[in-house]
């Protein structure tokens, strides 16, 4: 794709959609074009954010399909029909299997509220507080078949030495999530994200 053309991206959501809104406010219509928003819940407030801008939306609830593979196939089919080249998980609370990931090789990214590989999975902030850490952060990474185990693209940290409340940490991390996710989408759109031939887990950033 020529660099002058916006990168068509799909965003997967499950909840309120603040990370989606950050993408709509920053890269949408510029470096990238949000061409589809899909949710694991038909009542996710995030869908309304996309609809207000005329972005196609759809829901793919796990219970509507006989198994996860069938859900993944239907989801991938719809995203391809919308022309998506990059899939961004922005608060998407479902696992995607290899069947889905093979349809978008090295083109599915996720934002996670910890400095991976520390505290993967659900309740990352609560895990970090229970461990007693003083440094919190955000990771944007490629998605593989594990739980938050894909290659790290970018990370950003913040010191919160006296905080013991998950909501306070979350509020501190939200603007970091929004900024870092948009930054990574811009880098991918510019063709500035690659892999070290000697170590496929090491992501190389240019520019």
N, C-alpha and C. Protein backbone atom coordinates (compact mmCIF):
# COMPACT_ATOMS: atom_id res chain seq x y z
N UNK A 1 0.85 -1.20 0.00
CA UNK A 1 0.00 0.00 0.00
C UNK A 1 0.88 1.24 0.00
N UNK A 2 0.62 2.21 -0.87
CA UNK A 2 1.43 3.42 -0.88
C UNK A 2 1.31 4.16 0.45
N UNK A 3 2.41 4.71 0.96
CA UNK A 3 2.38 5.40 2.24
C UNK A 3 1.39 6.56 2.28
N UNK A 4 1.07 7.12 1.10
CA UNK A 4 0.16 8.26 1.07
C UNK A 4 -1.28 7.86 1.35
N UNK A 5 -1.58 6.58 1.27
CA UNK A 5 -2.93 6.11 1.50
C UNK A 5 -3.12 5.72 2.97
N UNK A 6 -4.24 6.14 3.59
CA UNK A 6 -4.47 5.72 4.98
C UNK A 6 -4.56 4.20 5.09
N UNK A 7 -4.02 3.68 6.17
CA UNK A 7 -4.07 2.24 6.42
C UNK A 7 -5.47 1.86 6.91
N UNK A 8 -6.17 0.95 6.22
CA UNK A 8 -7.50 0.55 6.68
C UNK A 8 -7.39 -0.38 7.89
N UNK A 9 -7.97 0.05 9.00
CA UNK A 9 -7.88 -0.73 10.23
C UNK A 9 -9.27 -1.09 10.75
N UNK A 10 -9.33 -2.22 11.44
CA UNK A 10 -10.53 -2.62 12.17
C UNK A 10 -10.20 -2.57 13.65
N UNK A 11 -11.17 -2.20 14.45
CA UNK A 11 -10.98 -2.13 15.90
C UNK A 11 -11.98 -3.07 16.55
N UNK A 12 -11.48 -3.94 17.44
CA UNK A 12 -12.33 -4.87 18.17
C UNK A 12 -12.48 -4.37 19.60
N UNK A 13 -13.72 -4.35 20.09
CA UNK A 13 -14.03 -3.76 21.38
C UNK A 13 -14.98 -4.67 22.15
N UNK A 14 -15.08 -4.39 23.46
CA UNK A 14 -16.05 -5.11 24.29
C UNK A 14 -16.81 -4.19 25.23
N UNK A 15 -16.32 -2.96 25.42
CA UNK A 15 -16.91 -2.12 26.45
C UNK A 15 -17.17 -0.70 26.01
N UNK A 16 -16.68 0.24 26.83
CA UNK A 16 -16.99 1.66 26.63
C UNK A 16 -16.30 2.23 25.39
N UNK A 17 -15.06 1.83 25.15
CA UNK A 17 -14.40 2.22 23.91
C UNK A 17 -13.57 3.48 23.96
N UNK A 18 -12.89 3.74 25.08
CA UNK A 18 -12.08 4.95 25.14
C UNK A 18 -10.85 4.86 24.23
N UNK A 19 -10.27 3.67 24.10
CA UNK A 19 -9.14 3.52 23.17
C UNK A 19 -9.60 3.67 21.73
N UNK A 20 -10.79 3.16 21.41
CA UNK A 20 -11.36 3.37 20.09
C UNK A 20 -11.53 4.86 19.83
N UNK A 21 -12.08 5.57 20.81
CA UNK A 21 -12.30 7.00 20.63
C UNK A 21 -10.99 7.73 20.40
N UNK A 22 -9.94 7.30 21.10
CA UNK A 22 -8.63 7.93 20.90
C UNK A 22 -8.15 7.75 19.46
N UNK A 23 -8.37 6.57 18.90
CA UNK A 23 -7.98 6.33 17.51
C UNK A 23 -8.83 7.16 16.56
N UNK A 24 -10.12 7.25 16.83
CA UNK A 24 -11.01 8.05 15.98
C UNK A 24 -10.61 9.52 16.02
N UNK A 25 -10.13 9.97 17.19
CA UNK A 25 -9.77 11.38 17.36
C UNK A 25 -8.40 11.73 16.79
N UNK A 26 -7.56 10.73 16.58
CA UNK A 26 -6.17 11.02 16.21
C UNK A 26 -5.81 10.52 14.80
N UNK A 27 -5.82 9.21 14.59
CA UNK A 27 -5.32 8.68 13.32
C UNK A 27 -6.40 8.52 12.25
N UNK A 28 -7.66 8.42 12.67
CA UNK A 28 -8.75 8.18 11.72
C UNK A 28 -8.87 9.35 10.74
N UNK A 29 -8.83 8.99 9.45
CA UNK A 29 -8.88 10.02 8.42
C UNK A 29 -7.55 10.66 8.12
N UNK A 30 -6.50 10.20 8.79
CA UNK A 30 -5.15 10.72 8.57
C UNK A 30 -4.23 9.57 8.17
N UNK A 31 -3.43 9.08 9.12
CA UNK A 31 -2.54 7.95 8.80
C UNK A 31 -3.31 6.65 8.58
N UNK A 32 -4.47 6.53 9.22
CA UNK A 32 -5.27 5.31 9.13
C UNK A 32 -6.73 5.67 8.91
N UNK A 33 -7.49 4.68 8.47
CA UNK A 33 -8.92 4.84 8.30
C UNK A 33 -9.59 3.67 9.02
N UNK A 34 -10.41 3.98 10.04
CA UNK A 34 -11.15 2.92 10.73
C UNK A 34 -12.30 2.50 9.82
N UNK A 35 -12.18 1.30 9.26
CA UNK A 35 -13.18 0.84 8.29
C UNK A 35 -14.19 -0.12 8.91
N UNK A 36 -13.95 -0.56 10.15
CA UNK A 36 -14.86 -1.50 10.79
C UNK A 36 -14.61 -1.50 12.29
N UNK A 37 -15.69 -1.61 13.05
CA UNK A 37 -15.60 -1.81 14.50
C UNK A 37 -16.49 -2.99 14.85
N UNK A 38 -15.92 -4.00 15.46
CA UNK A 38 -16.65 -5.21 15.84
C UNK A 38 -16.57 -5.39 17.34
N UNK A 39 -17.65 -5.88 17.91
CA UNK A 39 -17.72 -6.05 19.36
C UNK A 39 -18.10 -7.47 19.72
N UNK A 40 -17.66 -7.88 20.91
CA UNK A 40 -18.09 -9.17 21.46
C UNK A 40 -19.44 -9.04 22.14
N UNK A 41 -19.95 -7.82 22.25
CA UNK A 41 -21.25 -7.57 22.89
C UNK A 41 -22.06 -6.59 22.04
N UNK A 42 -23.30 -6.96 21.78
CA UNK A 42 -24.16 -6.10 20.96
C UNK A 42 -24.47 -4.79 21.65
N UNK A 43 -24.41 -4.76 23.00
CA UNK A 43 -24.76 -3.55 23.74
C UNK A 43 -23.53 -2.75 24.17
N UNK A 44 -22.37 -3.03 23.59
CA UNK A 44 -21.16 -2.30 23.96
C UNK A 44 -21.30 -0.82 23.57
N UNK A 45 -21.12 0.10 24.52
CA UNK A 45 -21.23 1.53 24.20
C UNK A 45 -20.24 1.97 23.12
N UNK A 46 -19.15 1.25 22.97
CA UNK A 46 -18.15 1.63 21.96
C UNK A 46 -18.74 1.67 20.56
N UNK A 47 -19.72 0.83 20.28
CA UNK A 47 -20.28 0.77 18.93
C UNK A 47 -20.90 2.12 18.54
N UNK A 48 -21.53 2.78 19.51
CA UNK A 48 -22.15 4.07 19.21
C UNK A 48 -21.11 5.11 18.82
N UNK A 49 -19.92 5.02 19.39
CA UNK A 49 -18.85 5.97 19.04
C UNK A 49 -18.53 5.86 17.55
N UNK A 50 -18.45 4.62 17.04
CA UNK A 50 -18.15 4.41 15.63
C UNK A 50 -19.32 4.81 14.74
N UNK A 51 -20.53 4.48 15.18
CA UNK A 51 -21.71 4.79 14.37
C UNK A 51 -21.87 6.28 14.16
N UNK A 52 -21.51 7.07 15.16
CA UNK A 52 -21.64 8.52 15.03
C UNK A 52 -20.79 9.07 13.88
N UNK A 53 -19.73 8.35 13.53
CA UNK A 53 -18.86 8.78 12.43
C UNK A 53 -19.12 7.99 11.15
N UNK A 54 -20.17 7.18 11.16
CA UNK A 54 -20.50 6.42 9.96
C UNK A 54 -19.63 5.21 9.71
N UNK A 55 -18.91 4.75 10.73
CA UNK A 55 -18.05 3.57 10.58
C UNK A 55 -18.92 2.32 10.72
N UNK A 56 -18.81 1.36 9.79
CA UNK A 56 -19.60 0.13 9.90
C UNK A 56 -19.31 -0.62 11.20
N UNK A 57 -20.35 -1.13 11.85
CA UNK A 57 -20.20 -1.86 13.10
C UNK A 57 -20.95 -3.19 13.01
N UNK A 58 -20.51 -4.14 13.83
CA UNK A 58 -21.18 -5.44 13.93
C UNK A 58 -20.80 -6.06 15.26
N UNK A 59 -21.63 -6.98 15.74
CA UNK A 59 -21.31 -7.70 16.97
C UNK A 59 -21.20 -9.19 16.67
N UNK A 60 -20.28 -9.83 17.36
CA UNK A 60 -20.02 -11.26 17.19
C UNK A 60 -19.93 -11.88 18.57
N UNK A 61 -21.08 -12.10 19.20
CA UNK A 61 -21.11 -12.68 20.54
C UNK A 61 -20.75 -14.16 20.47
N UNK A 62 -19.90 -14.58 21.38
CA UNK A 62 -19.45 -15.98 21.39
C UNK A 62 -20.63 -16.95 21.45
N UNK A 63 -21.68 -16.60 22.20
CA UNK A 63 -22.82 -17.49 22.36
C UNK A 63 -23.67 -17.65 21.12
N UNK A 64 -23.45 -16.82 20.11
CA UNK A 64 -24.23 -16.90 18.87
C UNK A 64 -23.66 -17.92 17.89
N UNK A 65 -22.55 -18.56 18.26
CA UNK A 65 -21.88 -19.49 17.36
C UNK A 65 -21.63 -20.82 18.07
N UNK A 66 -21.58 -21.92 17.31
CA UNK A 66 -21.39 -23.23 17.95
C UNK A 66 -20.07 -23.37 18.68
N UNK A 67 -19.04 -22.66 18.25
CA UNK A 67 -17.75 -22.72 18.92
C UNK A 67 -16.95 -21.48 18.55
N UNK A 68 -15.80 -21.33 19.19
CA UNK A 68 -14.99 -20.14 18.96
C UNK A 68 -14.48 -20.08 17.53
N UNK A 69 -14.18 -21.25 16.96
CA UNK A 69 -13.69 -21.27 15.58
C UNK A 69 -14.70 -20.70 14.60
N UNK A 70 -15.96 -21.03 14.81
CA UNK A 70 -17.01 -20.51 13.93
C UNK A 70 -17.14 -19.00 14.11
N UNK A 71 -17.05 -18.55 15.36
CA UNK A 71 -17.10 -17.10 15.62
C UNK A 71 -15.93 -16.40 14.95
N UNK A 72 -14.73 -16.97 15.10
CA UNK A 72 -13.54 -16.37 14.52
C UNK A 72 -13.64 -16.28 13.00
N UNK A 73 -14.19 -17.32 12.38
CA UNK A 73 -14.33 -17.32 10.92
C UNK A 73 -15.29 -16.23 10.47
N UNK A 74 -16.43 -16.13 11.16
CA UNK A 74 -17.41 -15.10 10.79
C UNK A 74 -16.84 -13.70 10.99
N UNK A 75 -16.11 -13.52 12.08
CA UNK A 75 -15.51 -12.21 12.35
C UNK A 75 -14.47 -11.87 11.30
N UNK A 76 -13.58 -12.81 11.00
CA UNK A 76 -12.54 -12.56 10.00
C UNK A 76 -13.14 -12.29 8.63
N UNK A 77 -14.19 -13.04 8.27
CA UNK A 77 -14.85 -12.82 6.98
C UNK A 77 -15.37 -11.39 6.89
N UNK A 78 -16.02 -10.92 7.96
CA UNK A 78 -16.60 -9.57 7.92
C UNK A 78 -15.52 -8.50 7.86
N UNK A 79 -14.46 -8.68 8.63
CA UNK A 79 -13.38 -7.69 8.62
C UNK A 79 -12.71 -7.62 7.24
N UNK A 80 -12.54 -8.77 6.61
CA UNK A 80 -11.96 -8.77 5.26
C UNK A 80 -12.89 -8.09 4.27
N UNK A 81 -14.19 -8.31 4.42
CA UNK A 81 -15.16 -7.66 3.53
C UNK A 81 -15.09 -6.14 3.66
N UNK A 82 -14.77 -5.67 4.86
CA UNK A 82 -14.66 -4.22 5.08
C UNK A 82 -13.32 -3.67 4.61
N UNK A 83 -12.41 -4.56 4.23
CA UNK A 83 -11.12 -4.12 3.70
C UNK A 83 -10.04 -3.89 4.72
N UNK A 84 -10.21 -4.39 5.95
CA UNK A 84 -9.23 -4.15 7.01
C UNK A 84 -7.90 -4.83 6.71
N UNK A 85 -6.82 -4.11 6.95
CA UNK A 85 -5.47 -4.66 6.80
C UNK A 85 -4.76 -4.81 8.14
N UNK A 86 -5.22 -4.09 9.15
CA UNK A 86 -4.67 -4.19 10.50
C UNK A 86 -5.85 -4.29 11.46
N UNK A 87 -5.74 -5.21 12.43
CA UNK A 87 -6.79 -5.40 13.43
C UNK A 87 -6.24 -4.95 14.77
N UNK A 88 -6.94 -4.02 15.41
CA UNK A 88 -6.51 -3.45 16.69
C UNK A 88 -7.48 -3.91 17.78
N UNK A 89 -6.95 -4.61 18.78
CA UNK A 89 -7.76 -5.01 19.92
C UNK A 89 -7.68 -3.89 20.95
N UNK A 90 -8.82 -3.26 21.21
CA UNK A 90 -8.86 -2.10 22.09
C UNK A 90 -9.89 -2.37 23.19
N UNK A 91 -9.44 -3.09 24.22
CA UNK A 91 -10.37 -3.50 25.25
C UNK A 91 -11.27 -4.63 24.81
N UNK A 92 -10.74 -5.51 23.96
CA UNK A 92 -11.49 -6.67 23.47
C UNK A 92 -11.26 -7.83 24.43
N UNK A 93 -12.33 -8.30 25.06
CA UNK A 93 -12.21 -9.25 26.16
C UNK A 93 -12.46 -10.69 25.74
N UNK A 94 -12.02 -11.03 24.53
CA UNK A 94 -12.15 -12.39 24.03
C UNK A 94 -10.81 -12.85 23.46
N UNK A 95 -10.58 -14.16 23.50
CA UNK A 95 -9.40 -14.72 22.87
C UNK A 95 -9.67 -14.99 21.39
N UNK A 96 -8.68 -14.76 20.57
CA UNK A 96 -8.75 -15.07 19.15
C UNK A 96 -7.82 -16.24 18.86
N UNK A 97 -8.34 -17.25 18.19
CA UNK A 97 -7.56 -18.45 17.92
C UNK A 97 -6.69 -18.32 16.68
N UNK A 98 -5.88 -19.36 16.46
CA UNK A 98 -4.98 -19.36 15.31
C UNK A 98 -5.73 -19.25 14.00
N UNK A 99 -6.97 -19.76 13.98
CA UNK A 99 -7.78 -19.69 12.77
C UNK A 99 -8.01 -18.24 12.34
N UNK A 100 -8.24 -17.37 13.33
CA UNK A 100 -8.39 -15.94 13.03
C UNK A 100 -7.05 -15.31 12.71
N UNK A 101 -6.06 -15.57 13.55
CA UNK A 101 -4.76 -14.90 13.40
C UNK A 101 -4.10 -15.23 12.07
N UNK A 102 -4.36 -16.42 11.53
CA UNK A 102 -3.77 -16.79 10.24
C UNK A 102 -4.34 -15.97 9.09
N UNK A 103 -5.51 -15.39 9.32
CA UNK A 103 -6.12 -14.56 8.28
C UNK A 103 -5.50 -13.16 8.24
N UNK A 104 -4.88 -12.76 9.34
CA UNK A 104 -4.24 -11.44 9.44
C UNK A 104 -2.83 -11.62 10.02
N UNK A 105 -1.94 -12.27 9.27
CA UNK A 105 -0.61 -12.58 9.82
C UNK A 105 0.19 -11.31 10.14
N UNK A 106 0.72 -11.28 11.37
CA UNK A 106 1.49 -10.13 11.84
C UNK A 106 0.72 -8.82 11.65
N UNK A 107 -0.57 -8.88 11.80
CA UNK A 107 -1.40 -7.70 11.58
C UNK A 107 -2.52 -7.59 12.60
N UNK A 108 -2.30 -8.17 13.78
CA UNK A 108 -3.25 -8.03 14.89
C UNK A 108 -2.46 -7.53 16.09
N UNK A 109 -2.87 -6.38 16.64
CA UNK A 109 -2.16 -5.81 17.78
C UNK A 109 -3.13 -5.61 18.94
N UNK A 110 -2.56 -5.52 20.14
CA UNK A 110 -3.36 -5.37 21.36
C UNK A 110 -2.68 -4.36 22.28
N UNK A 111 -3.50 -3.66 23.06
CA UNK A 111 -2.97 -2.77 24.10
C UNK A 111 -3.31 -3.40 25.45
N UNK A 112 -2.29 -3.47 26.33
CA UNK A 112 -2.45 -4.16 27.61
C UNK A 112 -1.92 -3.27 28.74
N UNK A 113 -2.64 -3.18 29.87
CA UNK A 113 -2.25 -2.26 30.94
C UNK A 113 -1.21 -2.80 31.92
N UNK A 114 -0.10 -3.29 31.38
CA UNK A 114 1.05 -3.65 32.21
C UNK A 114 2.29 -3.64 31.34
N UNK A 115 3.44 -3.74 31.99
CA UNK A 115 4.70 -3.83 31.26
C UNK A 115 4.99 -5.31 31.04
N UNK A 116 4.43 -5.85 29.98
CA UNK A 116 4.64 -7.27 29.68
C UNK A 116 6.13 -7.57 29.53
N UNK A 117 6.56 -8.79 29.93
CA UNK A 117 5.74 -9.97 30.24
C UNK A 117 5.16 -10.03 31.65
N UNK A 118 5.33 -8.98 32.44
CA UNK A 118 4.74 -8.98 33.78
C UNK A 118 3.23 -8.78 33.69
N UNK A 119 2.51 -9.54 34.48
CA UNK A 119 1.08 -9.37 34.70
C UNK A 119 0.24 -9.46 33.42
N UNK A 120 0.32 -10.60 32.73
CA UNK A 120 -0.54 -10.80 31.56
C UNK A 120 -1.96 -11.16 31.99
N UNK A 121 -2.86 -11.20 31.02
CA UNK A 121 -4.21 -11.68 31.27
C UNK A 121 -5.10 -10.65 31.94
N UNK A 122 -6.17 -11.16 32.55
CA UNK A 122 -7.15 -10.30 33.19
C UNK A 122 -6.62 -9.70 34.49
N UNK A 123 -7.20 -8.56 34.88
CA UNK A 123 -6.90 -7.91 36.16
C UNK A 123 -5.41 -7.61 36.32
N UNK A 124 -4.81 -7.10 35.24
CA UNK A 124 -3.37 -6.83 35.26
C UNK A 124 -3.01 -5.80 36.32
N UNK A 125 -3.82 -4.77 36.47
CA UNK A 125 -3.51 -3.73 37.45
C UNK A 125 -3.61 -4.28 38.87
N UNK A 126 -4.65 -5.07 39.12
CA UNK A 126 -4.79 -5.68 40.44
C UNK A 126 -3.63 -6.63 40.72
N UNK A 127 -3.17 -7.36 39.70
CA UNK A 127 -2.01 -8.23 39.88
C UNK A 127 -0.79 -7.40 40.28
N UNK A 128 -0.59 -6.29 39.59
CA UNK A 128 0.58 -5.46 39.86
C UNK A 128 0.53 -4.88 41.27
N UNK A 129 -0.64 -4.42 41.68
CA UNK A 129 -0.77 -3.86 43.03
C UNK A 129 -0.52 -4.92 44.08
N UNK A 130 -1.04 -6.12 43.85
CA UNK A 130 -0.83 -7.20 44.81
C UNK A 130 0.64 -7.57 44.94
N UNK A 131 1.37 -7.42 43.83
CA UNK A 131 2.81 -7.73 43.84
C UNK A 131 3.61 -6.62 44.51
N UNK A 132 3.01 -5.45 44.61
CA UNK A 132 3.69 -4.34 45.27
C UNK A 132 4.60 -3.50 44.38
N UNK A 133 4.36 -3.52 43.07
CA UNK A 133 5.23 -2.77 42.18
C UNK A 133 5.01 -1.27 42.35
N UNK A 134 6.01 -0.51 41.99
CA UNK A 134 5.92 0.95 42.03
C UNK A 134 5.89 1.55 40.62
N UNK A 135 6.25 0.74 39.63
CA UNK A 135 6.30 1.17 38.24
C UNK A 135 5.22 0.45 37.46
N UNK A 136 4.30 1.20 36.91
CA UNK A 136 3.20 0.64 36.12
C UNK A 136 3.41 1.05 34.66
N UNK A 137 2.61 0.50 33.78
CA UNK A 137 2.80 0.88 32.39
C UNK A 137 1.83 0.22 31.44
N UNK A 138 2.10 0.47 30.15
CA UNK A 138 1.25 0.03 29.06
C UNK A 138 2.14 -0.63 28.01
N UNK A 139 1.63 -1.71 27.43
CA UNK A 139 2.33 -2.40 26.34
C UNK A 139 1.40 -2.51 25.13
N UNK A 140 1.93 -2.21 23.96
CA UNK A 140 1.26 -2.55 22.71
C UNK A 140 2.07 -3.66 22.06
N UNK A 141 1.40 -4.76 21.74
CA UNK A 141 2.12 -5.94 21.24
C UNK A 141 1.35 -6.62 20.13
N UNK A 142 2.07 -7.37 19.32
CA UNK A 142 1.42 -8.24 18.35
C UNK A 142 0.73 -9.38 19.10
N UNK A 143 -0.37 -9.84 18.54
CA UNK A 143 -1.13 -10.92 19.15
C UNK A 143 -0.71 -12.25 18.53
N UNK A 144 -0.45 -13.23 19.41
CA UNK A 144 -0.20 -14.59 18.94
C UNK A 144 -1.22 -15.50 19.63
N UNK A 145 -0.97 -16.81 19.62
CA UNK A 145 -1.94 -17.75 20.15
C UNK A 145 -2.00 -17.81 21.67
N UNK A 146 -1.11 -17.13 22.37
CA UNK A 146 -1.12 -17.14 23.83
C UNK A 146 -1.88 -15.96 24.40
N UNK A 147 -1.81 -15.80 25.71
CA UNK A 147 -2.48 -14.69 26.39
C UNK A 147 -1.44 -13.61 26.66
N UNK A 148 -1.47 -12.56 25.87
CA UNK A 148 -0.54 -11.43 26.01
C UNK A 148 0.91 -11.87 25.91
N UNK A 149 1.18 -12.81 24.99
CA UNK A 149 2.53 -13.35 24.84
C UNK A 149 3.20 -12.94 23.52
N UNK A 150 2.53 -12.17 22.68
CA UNK A 150 3.09 -11.81 21.39
C UNK A 150 4.21 -10.80 21.50
N UNK A 151 4.99 -10.62 20.44
CA UNK A 151 6.13 -9.71 20.45
C UNK A 151 5.73 -8.28 20.81
N UNK A 152 6.53 -7.68 21.67
CA UNK A 152 6.28 -6.32 22.14
C UNK A 152 6.67 -5.31 21.06
N UNK A 153 5.76 -4.37 20.78
CA UNK A 153 6.05 -3.30 19.82
C UNK A 153 6.54 -2.06 20.55
N UNK A 154 5.82 -1.66 21.59
CA UNK A 154 6.18 -0.44 22.32
C UNK A 154 5.66 -0.52 23.74
N UNK A 155 6.38 0.15 24.64
CA UNK A 155 5.97 0.20 26.05
C UNK A 155 6.22 1.60 26.59
N UNK A 156 5.42 1.96 27.59
CA UNK A 156 5.63 3.23 28.27
C UNK A 156 5.28 3.04 29.74
N UNK A 157 6.06 3.63 30.62
CA UNK A 157 5.91 3.40 32.05
C UNK A 157 5.64 4.70 32.80
N UNK A 158 5.07 4.55 34.01
CA UNK A 158 4.84 5.68 34.89
C UNK A 158 5.04 5.21 36.32
N UNK A 159 5.74 6.02 37.12
CA UNK A 159 5.94 5.68 38.53
C UNK A 159 4.74 6.17 39.35
N UNK A 160 4.18 5.26 40.13
CA UNK A 160 3.07 5.60 41.03
C UNK A 160 3.38 4.98 42.39
N UNK A 161 4.36 5.51 43.11
CA UNK A 161 4.88 4.83 44.31
C UNK A 161 3.90 4.75 45.48
N UNK A 162 2.97 5.67 45.58
CA UNK A 162 2.09 5.65 46.75
C UNK A 162 0.69 5.19 46.47
N UNK A 163 0.44 4.67 45.30
CA UNK A 163 -0.92 4.33 44.89
C UNK A 163 -1.24 2.88 45.25
N UNK A 164 -2.44 2.66 45.80
CA UNK A 164 -2.86 1.29 46.10
C UNK A 164 -4.28 1.01 45.61
N UNK A 165 -4.81 1.90 44.77
CA UNK A 165 -6.18 1.77 44.30
C UNK A 165 -6.19 1.50 42.79
N UNK A 166 -6.81 0.41 42.34
CA UNK A 166 -6.80 0.07 40.90
C UNK A 166 -7.38 1.17 40.02
N UNK A 167 -8.44 1.83 40.47
CA UNK A 167 -9.05 2.87 39.64
C UNK A 167 -8.10 4.05 39.44
N UNK A 168 -7.32 4.38 40.47
CA UNK A 168 -6.36 5.48 40.34
C UNK A 168 -5.27 5.11 39.33
N UNK A 169 -4.81 3.87 39.38
CA UNK A 169 -3.82 3.42 38.40
C UNK A 169 -4.41 3.46 37.00
N UNK A 170 -5.64 2.96 36.87
CA UNK A 170 -6.29 2.92 35.56
C UNK A 170 -6.41 4.32 34.97
N UNK A 171 -6.80 5.29 35.79
CA UNK A 171 -6.93 6.66 35.29
C UNK A 171 -5.58 7.23 34.86
N UNK A 172 -4.52 6.83 35.56
CA UNK A 172 -3.18 7.29 35.17
C UNK A 172 -2.73 6.64 33.86
N UNK A 173 -3.17 5.40 33.63
CA UNK A 173 -2.72 4.67 32.44
C UNK A 173 -3.53 5.01 31.20
N UNK A 174 -4.77 5.45 31.36
CA UNK A 174 -5.63 5.69 30.20
C UNK A 174 -5.00 6.62 29.17
N UNK A 175 -4.52 7.80 29.56
CA UNK A 175 -3.93 8.67 28.53
C UNK A 175 -2.68 8.08 27.89
N UNK A 176 -1.95 7.27 28.65
CA UNK A 176 -0.77 6.61 28.09
C UNK A 176 -1.21 5.58 27.05
N UNK A 177 -2.24 4.80 27.38
CA UNK A 177 -2.79 3.83 26.42
C UNK A 177 -3.19 4.53 25.13
N UNK A 178 -3.96 5.59 25.28
CA UNK A 178 -4.49 6.29 24.10
C UNK A 178 -3.36 6.80 23.21
N UNK A 179 -2.35 7.39 23.81
CA UNK A 179 -1.26 7.96 23.04
C UNK A 179 -0.38 6.89 22.41
N UNK A 180 -0.06 5.85 23.18
CA UNK A 180 0.85 4.81 22.67
C UNK A 180 0.19 4.00 21.56
N UNK A 181 -1.09 3.68 21.71
CA UNK A 181 -1.78 2.91 20.68
C UNK A 181 -1.82 3.69 19.37
N UNK A 182 -2.14 4.97 19.44
CA UNK A 182 -2.15 5.79 18.22
C UNK A 182 -0.76 5.88 17.61
N UNK A 183 0.27 5.99 18.45
CA UNK A 183 1.64 6.07 17.96
C UNK A 183 2.02 4.80 17.20
N UNK A 184 1.65 3.65 17.74
CA UNK A 184 1.99 2.38 17.08
C UNK A 184 1.24 2.25 15.75
N UNK A 185 -0.03 2.63 15.72
CA UNK A 185 -0.78 2.57 14.46
C UNK A 185 -0.12 3.47 13.41
N UNK A 186 0.33 4.64 13.82
CA UNK A 186 1.03 5.53 12.88
C UNK A 186 2.31 4.87 12.34
N UNK A 187 3.06 4.23 13.22
CA UNK A 187 4.30 3.58 12.79
C UNK A 187 4.02 2.44 11.81
N UNK A 188 3.00 1.64 12.11
CA UNK A 188 2.65 0.54 11.21
C UNK A 188 2.19 1.09 9.87
N UNK A 189 1.36 2.14 9.90
CA UNK A 189 0.88 2.75 8.67
C UNK A 189 2.02 3.28 7.81
N UNK A 190 3.07 3.74 8.47
CA UNK A 190 4.24 4.28 7.76
C UNK A 190 5.21 3.20 7.31
N UNK A 191 4.92 1.95 7.61
CA UNK A 191 5.83 0.87 7.26
C UNK A 191 7.08 0.85 8.11
N UNK A 192 6.98 1.40 9.32
CA UNK A 192 8.16 1.56 10.17
C UNK A 192 8.27 0.49 11.24
N UNK A 193 7.51 -0.58 11.13
CA UNK A 193 7.56 -1.67 12.11
C UNK A 193 8.01 -2.94 11.40
N UNK A 194 9.09 -3.53 11.88
CA UNK A 194 9.61 -4.76 11.30
C UNK A 194 10.10 -5.70 12.38
N UNK A 195 10.74 -6.79 11.96
CA UNK A 195 11.22 -7.81 12.89
C UNK A 195 12.70 -8.06 12.67
N UNK A 196 13.40 -8.33 13.74
CA UNK A 196 14.82 -8.67 13.69
C UNK A 196 14.95 -10.08 13.10
N UNK A 197 15.64 -10.25 11.97
CA UNK A 197 15.79 -11.59 11.38
C UNK A 197 16.46 -12.58 12.33
N UNK A 198 17.28 -12.08 13.24
CA UNK A 198 17.98 -12.97 14.17
C UNK A 198 17.14 -13.33 15.38
N UNK A 199 16.08 -12.59 15.60
CA UNK A 199 15.22 -12.85 16.76
C UNK A 199 13.80 -12.40 16.42
N UNK A 200 12.93 -13.33 16.00
CA UNK A 200 11.59 -12.95 15.54
C UNK A 200 10.71 -12.34 16.62
N UNK A 201 11.15 -12.41 17.88
CA UNK A 201 10.39 -11.76 18.95
C UNK A 201 10.77 -10.29 19.10
N UNK A 202 11.85 -9.89 18.48
CA UNK A 202 12.32 -8.50 18.64
C UNK A 202 11.77 -7.63 17.51
N UNK A 203 10.89 -6.72 17.88
CA UNK A 203 10.30 -5.81 16.91
C UNK A 203 11.20 -4.61 16.72
N UNK A 204 11.45 -4.25 15.48
CA UNK A 204 12.30 -3.11 15.15
C UNK A 204 11.44 -1.94 14.70
N UNK A 205 11.73 -0.75 15.22
CA UNK A 205 10.99 0.45 14.88
C UNK A 205 11.90 1.43 14.19
N UNK A 206 11.41 2.00 13.10
CA UNK A 206 12.15 3.02 12.36
C UNK A 206 11.40 4.34 12.45
N UNK A 207 12.15 5.40 12.50
CA UNK A 207 11.51 6.70 12.48
C UNK A 207 11.03 7.16 13.84
